[in-house]
Amino acid sequence: MTRQYDQFAGPVAHGWLNETTGFGLAWWISERNGAKVFAHSGSVAGYTAFLAGNLERKTGFAVLSNGNQVHTYLYGLALKALDALEPLPK
């Protein structure tokens, strides 16, 4: 979960999340709302998967699809799921 490379120029346009995004060993590492988040995706013909998590809160979300090149949609869905997993204010 340590960032090894400070840029990510993959198929997800202009990096995964924001200017803090880099690449760890097999994981995308970034900061979001002050917390470290990680992600990984993969695909084979006809299928795409995406996993994202918040390391500090020990929460995560995985989404699997029967679709080609849908990474952009899946990471958007994963970010919404991470937001939904945030603890409610007391």
N, C-alpha and C. Protein backbone atom coordinates (compact mmCIF):
# COMPACT_ATOMS: atom_id res chain seq x y z
N MET A 1 0.80 -1.20 0.00
CA MET A 1 0.00 0.00 0.00
C MET A 1 0.85 1.27 0.00
N THR A 2 2.12 1.13 -0.33
CA THR A 2 2.99 2.29 -0.42
C THR A 2 3.11 2.71 -1.88
N ARG A 3 2.94 3.99 -2.14
CA ARG A 3 3.03 4.48 -3.51
C ARG A 3 4.46 4.34 -4.00
N GLN A 4 4.63 3.70 -5.14
CA GLN A 4 5.93 3.46 -5.74
C GLN A 4 6.18 4.35 -6.95
N TYR A 5 5.13 4.76 -7.60
CA TYR A 5 5.24 5.53 -8.84
C TYR A 5 4.21 6.65 -8.78
N ASP A 6 4.63 7.87 -9.04
CA ASP A 6 3.79 9.03 -8.80
C ASP A 6 2.80 9.39 -9.90
N GLN A 7 2.74 8.63 -10.95
CA GLN A 7 1.79 8.93 -12.00
C GLN A 7 1.13 7.65 -12.44
N PHE A 8 -0.09 7.78 -12.92
CA PHE A 8 -0.77 6.63 -13.50
C PHE A 8 -1.40 7.08 -14.80
N ALA A 9 -0.96 6.52 -15.87
CA ALA A 9 -1.48 6.90 -17.18
C ALA A 9 -2.11 5.68 -17.84
N GLY A 10 -3.07 5.08 -17.16
CA GLY A 10 -3.72 3.88 -17.68
C GLY A 10 -4.95 4.20 -18.50
N PRO A 11 -5.76 3.20 -18.73
CA PRO A 11 -6.93 3.38 -19.57
C PRO A 11 -8.01 4.27 -18.94
N VAL A 12 -7.96 4.48 -17.63
CA VAL A 12 -8.90 5.39 -17.00
C VAL A 12 -8.36 6.80 -17.22
N ALA A 13 -9.10 7.61 -17.93
CA ALA A 13 -8.60 8.89 -18.42
C ALA A 13 -8.02 9.76 -17.32
N HIS A 14 -6.82 10.26 -17.55
CA HIS A 14 -6.15 11.26 -16.71
C HIS A 14 -5.93 10.78 -15.28
N GLY A 15 -5.64 9.53 -15.09
CA GLY A 15 -5.40 9.03 -13.73
C GLY A 15 -6.68 8.54 -13.10
N TRP A 16 -6.56 7.86 -12.00
CA TRP A 16 -7.73 7.23 -11.41
C TRP A 16 -8.61 8.19 -10.65
N LEU A 17 -8.04 8.97 -9.74
CA LEU A 17 -8.89 9.74 -8.86
C LEU A 17 -8.58 11.23 -8.88
N ASN A 18 -7.35 11.59 -8.55
CA ASN A 18 -6.99 13.01 -8.50
C ASN A 18 -5.48 13.13 -8.55
N GLU A 19 -4.96 14.33 -8.28
CA GLU A 19 -3.51 14.56 -8.41
C GLU A 19 -2.69 13.81 -7.38
N THR A 20 -3.31 13.23 -6.35
CA THR A 20 -2.56 12.46 -5.36
C THR A 20 -2.38 11.00 -5.78
N THR A 21 -2.98 10.62 -6.89
CA THR A 21 -2.97 9.22 -7.30
C THR A 21 -1.61 8.79 -7.82
N GLY A 22 -1.16 7.65 -7.38
CA GLY A 22 0.06 7.03 -7.87
C GLY A 22 -0.17 5.53 -7.96
N PHE A 23 0.87 4.80 -8.16
CA PHE A 23 0.74 3.36 -8.33
C PHE A 23 1.60 2.67 -7.29
N GLY A 24 1.00 1.79 -6.50
CA GLY A 24 1.74 0.94 -5.58
C GLY A 24 1.98 -0.39 -6.27
N LEU A 25 2.44 -1.36 -5.56
CA LEU A 25 2.67 -2.68 -6.15
C LEU A 25 1.33 -3.37 -6.35
N ALA A 26 0.81 -3.29 -7.56
CA ALA A 26 -0.46 -3.86 -8.00
C ALA A 26 -1.68 -3.06 -7.56
N TRP A 27 -1.51 -1.98 -6.82
CA TRP A 27 -2.64 -1.19 -6.34
C TRP A 27 -2.51 0.26 -6.79
N TRP A 28 -3.63 0.89 -7.13
CA TRP A 28 -3.66 2.33 -7.29
C TRP A 28 -3.80 2.89 -5.89
N ILE A 29 -3.01 3.86 -5.55
CA ILE A 29 -3.02 4.47 -4.23
C ILE A 29 -3.35 5.94 -4.38
N SER A 30 -4.28 6.45 -3.59
CA SER A 30 -4.64 7.86 -3.69
C SER A 30 -5.15 8.33 -2.34
N GLU A 31 -5.42 9.63 -2.25
CA GLU A 31 -6.04 10.21 -1.07
C GLU A 31 -7.38 10.77 -1.47
N ARG A 32 -8.36 10.55 -0.62
CA ARG A 32 -9.71 11.05 -0.88
C ARG A 32 -10.33 11.43 0.46
N ASN A 33 -10.77 12.65 0.57
CA ASN A 33 -11.36 13.14 1.82
C ASN A 33 -10.43 12.91 3.01
N GLY A 34 -9.13 13.07 2.78
CA GLY A 34 -8.14 12.93 3.84
C GLY A 34 -7.77 11.51 4.21
N ALA A 35 -8.27 10.54 3.49
CA ALA A 35 -7.98 9.14 3.81
C ALA A 35 -7.27 8.46 2.64
N LYS A 36 -6.46 7.45 2.94
CA LYS A 36 -5.80 6.68 1.89
C LYS A 36 -6.79 5.67 1.31
N VAL A 37 -6.94 5.71 0.00
CA VAL A 37 -7.80 4.74 -0.68
C VAL A 37 -6.95 3.96 -1.68
N PHE A 38 -7.39 2.75 -1.96
CA PHE A 38 -6.67 1.89 -2.89
C PHE A 38 -7.67 1.27 -3.85
N ALA A 39 -7.17 0.84 -4.99
CA ALA A 39 -8.05 0.24 -5.99
C ALA A 39 -7.23 -0.69 -6.89
N HIS A 40 -7.95 -1.58 -7.54
CA HIS A 40 -7.35 -2.48 -8.52
C HIS A 40 -8.46 -2.89 -9.48
N SER A 41 -8.11 -3.04 -10.73
CA SER A 41 -9.10 -3.51 -11.70
C SER A 41 -8.45 -4.52 -12.64
N GLY A 42 -9.30 -5.22 -13.32
CA GLY A 42 -8.81 -6.20 -14.29
C GLY A 42 -9.93 -6.59 -15.23
N SER A 43 -9.55 -7.13 -16.35
CA SER A 43 -10.57 -7.55 -17.31
C SER A 43 -10.01 -8.63 -18.23
N VAL A 44 -10.91 -9.42 -18.72
CA VAL A 44 -10.67 -10.35 -19.81
C VAL A 44 -11.85 -10.15 -20.76
N ALA A 45 -11.77 -10.70 -21.93
CA ALA A 45 -12.82 -10.47 -22.93
C ALA A 45 -14.20 -10.78 -22.34
N GLY A 46 -15.04 -9.75 -22.28
CA GLY A 46 -16.40 -9.92 -21.82
C GLY A 46 -16.64 -9.66 -20.34
N TYR A 47 -15.59 -9.43 -19.56
CA TYR A 47 -15.74 -9.26 -18.12
C TYR A 47 -14.79 -8.17 -17.61
N THR A 48 -15.26 -7.37 -16.67
CA THR A 48 -14.42 -6.36 -16.03
C THR A 48 -14.73 -6.36 -14.54
N ALA A 49 -13.69 -6.22 -13.72
CA ALA A 49 -13.85 -6.17 -12.27
C ALA A 49 -13.12 -4.96 -11.72
N PHE A 50 -13.63 -4.43 -10.62
CA PHE A 50 -13.00 -3.29 -9.97
C PHE A 50 -13.19 -3.42 -8.48
N LEU A 51 -12.13 -3.14 -7.73
CA LEU A 51 -12.16 -3.19 -6.27
C LEU A 51 -11.58 -1.89 -5.75
N ALA A 52 -12.23 -1.27 -4.77
CA ALA A 52 -11.71 -0.06 -4.13
C ALA A 52 -11.95 -0.17 -2.64
N GLY A 53 -11.04 0.43 -1.87
CA GLY A 53 -11.19 0.37 -0.42
C GLY A 53 -10.58 1.57 0.27
N ASN A 54 -11.00 1.75 1.51
CA ASN A 54 -10.48 2.79 2.39
C ASN A 54 -9.70 2.08 3.48
N LEU A 55 -8.40 2.24 3.48
CA LEU A 55 -7.53 1.49 4.38
C LEU A 55 -7.78 1.84 5.85
N GLU A 56 -7.93 3.11 6.15
CA GLU A 56 -8.12 3.51 7.55
C GLU A 56 -9.44 3.02 8.12
N ARG A 57 -10.50 3.05 7.32
CA ARG A 57 -11.82 2.64 7.80
C ARG A 57 -12.06 1.14 7.64
N LYS A 58 -11.12 0.46 6.98
CA LYS A 58 -11.24 -0.99 6.74
C LYS A 58 -12.55 -1.33 6.04
N THR A 59 -12.85 -0.54 5.00
CA THR A 59 -14.03 -0.79 4.19
C THR A 59 -13.59 -0.96 2.74
N GLY A 60 -14.39 -1.65 1.98
CA GLY A 60 -14.08 -1.85 0.58
C GLY A 60 -15.31 -2.26 -0.20
N PHE A 61 -15.16 -2.22 -1.50
CA PHE A 61 -16.27 -2.54 -2.39
C PHE A 61 -15.70 -3.16 -3.64
N ALA A 62 -16.29 -4.27 -4.06
CA ALA A 62 -15.89 -4.93 -5.30
C ALA A 62 -17.11 -5.00 -6.21
N VAL A 63 -16.90 -4.73 -7.48
CA VAL A 63 -17.98 -4.81 -8.45
C VAL A 63 -17.48 -5.61 -9.65
N LEU A 64 -18.29 -6.52 -10.11
CA LEU A 64 -17.97 -7.38 -11.25
C LEU A 64 -19.01 -7.13 -12.34
N SER A 65 -18.58 -7.16 -13.59
CA SER A 65 -19.52 -6.89 -14.67
C SER A 65 -19.28 -7.82 -15.85
N ASN A 66 -20.33 -7.99 -16.62
CA ASN A 66 -20.23 -8.70 -17.89
C ASN A 66 -20.15 -7.64 -18.98
N GLY A 67 -19.03 -6.97 -19.05
CA GLY A 67 -18.87 -5.91 -20.03
C GLY A 67 -17.40 -5.67 -20.32
N ASN A 68 -17.13 -5.18 -21.51
CA ASN A 68 -15.76 -4.85 -21.91
C ASN A 68 -15.51 -3.36 -21.69
N GLN A 69 -14.32 -3.04 -21.21
CA GLN A 69 -13.85 -1.66 -21.09
C GLN A 69 -14.85 -0.75 -20.38
N VAL A 70 -15.33 -1.19 -19.23
CA VAL A 70 -16.28 -0.39 -18.45
C VAL A 70 -15.64 0.12 -17.16
N HIS A 71 -14.30 0.18 -17.13
CA HIS A 71 -13.59 0.61 -15.92
C HIS A 71 -14.09 1.95 -15.40
N THR A 72 -14.31 2.91 -16.28
CA THR A 72 -14.74 4.24 -15.85
C THR A 72 -16.04 4.17 -15.07
N TYR A 73 -16.98 3.38 -15.53
CA TYR A 73 -18.26 3.25 -14.84
C TYR A 73 -18.10 2.52 -13.50
N LEU A 74 -17.25 1.50 -13.50
CA LEU A 74 -17.08 0.71 -12.29
C LEU A 74 -16.37 1.51 -11.21
N TYR A 75 -15.35 2.31 -11.57
CA TYR A 75 -14.69 3.07 -10.49
C TYR A 75 -15.60 4.17 -9.99
N GLY A 76 -16.44 4.73 -10.84
CA GLY A 76 -17.42 5.71 -10.36
C GLY A 76 -18.40 5.07 -9.38
N LEU A 77 -18.85 3.87 -9.69
CA LEU A 77 -19.75 3.14 -8.80
C LEU A 77 -19.05 2.78 -7.49
N ALA A 78 -17.79 2.37 -7.57
CA ALA A 78 -17.04 2.02 -6.36
C ALA A 78 -16.85 3.22 -5.46
N LEU A 79 -16.59 4.41 -6.01
CA LEU A 79 -16.45 5.62 -5.19
C LEU A 79 -17.75 5.98 -4.50
N LYS A 80 -18.87 5.81 -5.20
CA LYS A 80 -20.17 6.06 -4.57
C LYS A 80 -20.42 5.06 -3.44
N ALA A 81 -20.02 3.82 -3.65
CA ALA A 81 -20.18 2.81 -2.60
C ALA A 81 -19.31 3.13 -1.40
N LEU A 82 -18.07 3.58 -1.62
CA LEU A 82 -17.21 3.96 -0.50
C LEU A 82 -17.81 5.13 0.28
N ASP A 83 -18.41 6.08 -0.43
CA ASP A 83 -19.09 7.19 0.25
C ASP A 83 -20.23 6.67 1.11
N ALA A 84 -20.98 5.71 0.60
CA ALA A 84 -22.10 5.15 1.35
C ALA A 84 -21.64 4.38 2.58
N LEU A 85 -20.40 3.87 2.55
CA LEU A 85 -19.86 3.12 3.67
C LEU A 85 -19.23 4.01 4.73
N GLU A 86 -19.19 5.31 4.49
CA GLU A 86 -18.62 6.24 5.48
C GLU A 86 -19.49 6.20 6.73
N PRO A 87 -18.88 6.30 7.90
CA PRO A 87 -19.70 6.31 9.12
C PRO A 87 -20.58 7.56 9.20
N LEU A 88 -21.74 7.38 9.77
CA LEU A 88 -22.65 8.51 9.94
C LEU A 88 -22.15 9.40 11.07
N PRO A 89 -22.36 10.71 10.96
CA PRO A 89 -21.94 11.60 12.05
C PRO A 89 -22.73 11.30 13.31
N LYS A 90 -22.06 11.47 14.44
CA LYS A 90 -22.72 11.17 15.72
C LYS A 90 -23.45 12.39 16.23
